[in-house]
Amino acid sequence: MFTGSRVRFYTVSGPGHGIGAVSVDGGPETRFDTYSPHHATGVLMYESPVLPHGPHTIEIRVADAKHPDARYTWV
């Protein structure tokens, strides 16, 4: 749970990274692919629309998929 008006999710991407999913306040999931050919840090993967200021929940999960070029999967 957090209090605010926007969610920004940053992560590390790389050749063995997979696909995740995020939802805010129990809404629909948005998938994001953390694969990239080279490791990178601080990569913005998700930004929510502006939310009403107040308490919110965010759920992030490992999806059941991976980028076709990924050697293996880490999320």
C-alpha atoms as a PDB file:
ATOM      1  CA  MET A   1       0.000   0.000   0.000  1.00  0.00           C
ATOM      2  CA  PHE A   2       1.172   3.535  -0.694  1.00  0.00           C
ATOM      3  CA  THR A   3      -0.218   7.046  -0.533  1.00  0.00           C
ATOM      4  CA  GLY A   4       0.231   9.215  -3.588  1.00  0.00           C
ATOM      5  CA  SER A   5      -1.100  10.023  -7.035  1.00  0.00           C
ATOM      6  CA  ARG A   6       1.137   8.061  -9.436  1.00  0.00           C
ATOM      7  CA  VAL A   7       3.047   4.790  -9.644  1.00  0.00           C
ATOM      8  CA  ARG A   8       6.374   4.547 -11.462  1.00  0.00           C
ATOM      9  CA  PHE A   9       8.067   1.152 -11.558  1.00  0.00           C
ATOM     10  CA  TYR A  10      11.771   1.067 -12.414  1.00  0.00           C
ATOM     11  CA  THR A  11      13.794  -2.133 -12.753  1.00  0.00           C
ATOM     12  CA  VAL A  12      16.901  -3.745 -14.186  1.00  0.00           C
ATOM     13  CA  SER A  13      16.647  -5.197 -17.680  1.00  0.00           C
ATOM     14  CA  GLY A  14      18.883  -7.790 -19.286  1.00  0.00           C
ATOM     15  CA  PRO A  15      19.215 -10.763 -21.635  1.00  0.00           C
ATOM     16  CA  GLY A  16      17.748 -13.261 -19.167  1.00  0.00           C
ATOM     17  CA  HIS A  17      14.930 -11.139 -17.828  1.00  0.00           C
ATOM     18  CA  GLY A  18      11.270 -11.967 -18.308  1.00  0.00           C
ATOM     19  CA  ILE A  19       7.822 -10.446 -18.409  1.00  0.00           C
ATOM     20  CA  GLY A  20       5.997  -9.076 -15.408  1.00  0.00           C
ATOM     21  CA  ALA A  21       2.559  -7.629 -14.826  1.00  0.00           C
ATOM     22  CA  VAL A  22       1.399  -4.731 -12.677  1.00  0.00           C
ATOM     23  CA  SER A  23      -2.042  -3.645 -11.509  1.00  0.00           C
ATOM     24  CA  VAL A  24      -3.126  -0.710  -9.387  1.00  0.00           C
ATOM     25  CA  ASP A  25      -6.067  -0.853  -6.981  1.00  0.00           C
ATOM     26  CA  GLY A  26      -7.186  -4.248  -8.313  1.00  0.00           C
ATOM     27  CA  GLY A  27      -7.590  -2.899 -11.860  1.00  0.00           C
ATOM     28  CA  PRO A  28      -6.571  -4.588 -15.091  1.00  0.00           C
ATOM     29  CA  GLU A  29      -3.004  -5.805 -15.451  1.00  0.00           C
ATOM     30  CA  THR A  30      -0.436  -4.163 -17.682  1.00  0.00           C
ATOM     31  CA  ARG A  31       2.410  -6.412 -18.812  1.00  0.00           C
ATOM     32  CA  PHE A  32       5.977  -5.175 -19.144  1.00  0.00           C
ATOM     33  CA  ASP A  33       8.963  -6.928 -20.725  1.00  0.00           C
ATOM     34  CA  THR A  34      12.246  -6.600 -18.818  1.00  0.00           C
ATOM     35  CA  TYR A  35      14.295  -8.227 -21.592  1.00  0.00           C
ATOM     36  CA  SER A  36      17.053  -6.248 -23.294  1.00  0.00           C
ATOM     37  CA  PRO A  37      20.185  -7.465 -25.103  1.00  0.00           C
ATOM     38  CA  HIS A  38      22.411  -5.731 -22.508  1.00  0.00           C
ATOM     39  CA  HIS A  39      21.995  -5.112 -18.791  1.00  0.00           C
ATOM     40  CA  ALA A  40      20.582  -1.707 -17.920  1.00  0.00           C
ATOM     41  CA  THR A  41      19.592  -0.262 -14.539  1.00  0.00           C
ATOM     42  CA  GLY A  42      16.890   2.211 -13.663  1.00  0.00           C
ATOM     43  CA  VAL A  43      14.686   1.376 -16.659  1.00  0.00           C
ATOM     44  CA  LEU A  44      11.134   2.738 -16.396  1.00  0.00           C
ATOM     45  CA  MET A  45       8.807  -0.195 -17.084  1.00  0.00           C
ATOM     46  CA  TYR A  46       5.464   1.172 -15.979  1.00  0.00           C
ATOM     47  CA  GLU A  47       3.875   4.531 -15.209  1.00  0.00           C
ATOM     48  CA  SER A  48       0.271   4.775 -14.072  1.00  0.00           C
ATOM     49  CA  PRO A  49      -2.131   7.488 -15.081  1.00  0.00           C
ATOM     50  CA  VAL A  50      -2.635  10.215 -12.500  1.00  0.00           C
ATOM     51  CA  LEU A  51      -4.571   8.714  -9.586  1.00  0.00           C
ATOM     52  CA  PRO A  52      -6.703  10.522  -7.029  1.00  0.00           C
ATOM     53  CA  HIS A  53      -4.405  11.468  -4.144  1.00  0.00           C
ATOM     54  CA  GLY A  54      -4.811   8.964  -1.341  1.00  0.00           C
ATOM     55  CA  PRO A  55      -4.092   5.353  -0.414  1.00  0.00           C
ATOM     56  CA  HIS A  56      -3.589   2.840  -3.233  1.00  0.00           C
ATOM     57  CA  THR A  57      -2.339  -0.706  -3.695  1.00  0.00           C
ATOM     58  CA  ILE A  58       0.026  -1.977  -6.356  1.00  0.00           C
ATOM     59  CA  GLU A  59       0.477  -5.625  -7.297  1.00  0.00           C
ATOM     60  CA  ILE A  60       3.452  -6.801  -9.346  1.00  0.00           C
ATOM     61  CA  ARG A  61       3.724 -10.423 -10.424  1.00  0.00           C
ATOM     62  CA  VAL A  62       5.842 -12.645 -12.611  1.00  0.00           C
ATOM     63  CA  ALA A  63       3.931 -13.400 -15.803  1.00  0.00           C
ATOM     64  CA  ASP A  64       3.877 -16.807 -17.447  1.00  0.00           C
ATOM     65  CA  ALA A  65       5.750 -15.636 -20.552  1.00  0.00           C
ATOM     66  CA  LYS A  66       9.176 -14.494 -21.703  1.00  0.00           C
ATOM     67  CA  HIS A  67      10.657 -12.512 -24.547  1.00  0.00           C
ATOM     68  CA  PRO A  68      11.472 -14.817 -27.499  1.00  0.00           C
ATOM     69  CA  ASP A  69      15.150 -13.741 -27.416  1.00  0.00           C
ATOM     70  CA  ALA A  70      15.586 -14.363 -23.663  1.00  0.00           C
ATOM     71  CA  ARG A  71      18.001 -17.190 -22.828  1.00  0.00           C
ATOM     72  CA  TYR A  72      16.186 -17.886 -19.547  1.00  0.00           C
ATOM     73  CA  THR A  73      13.806 -15.874 -17.425  1.00  0.00           C
ATOM     74  CA  TRP A  74      14.277 -13.664 -14.347  1.00  0.00           C
ATOM     75  CA  VAL A  75      11.732 -11.102 -13.204  1.00  0.00           C
END
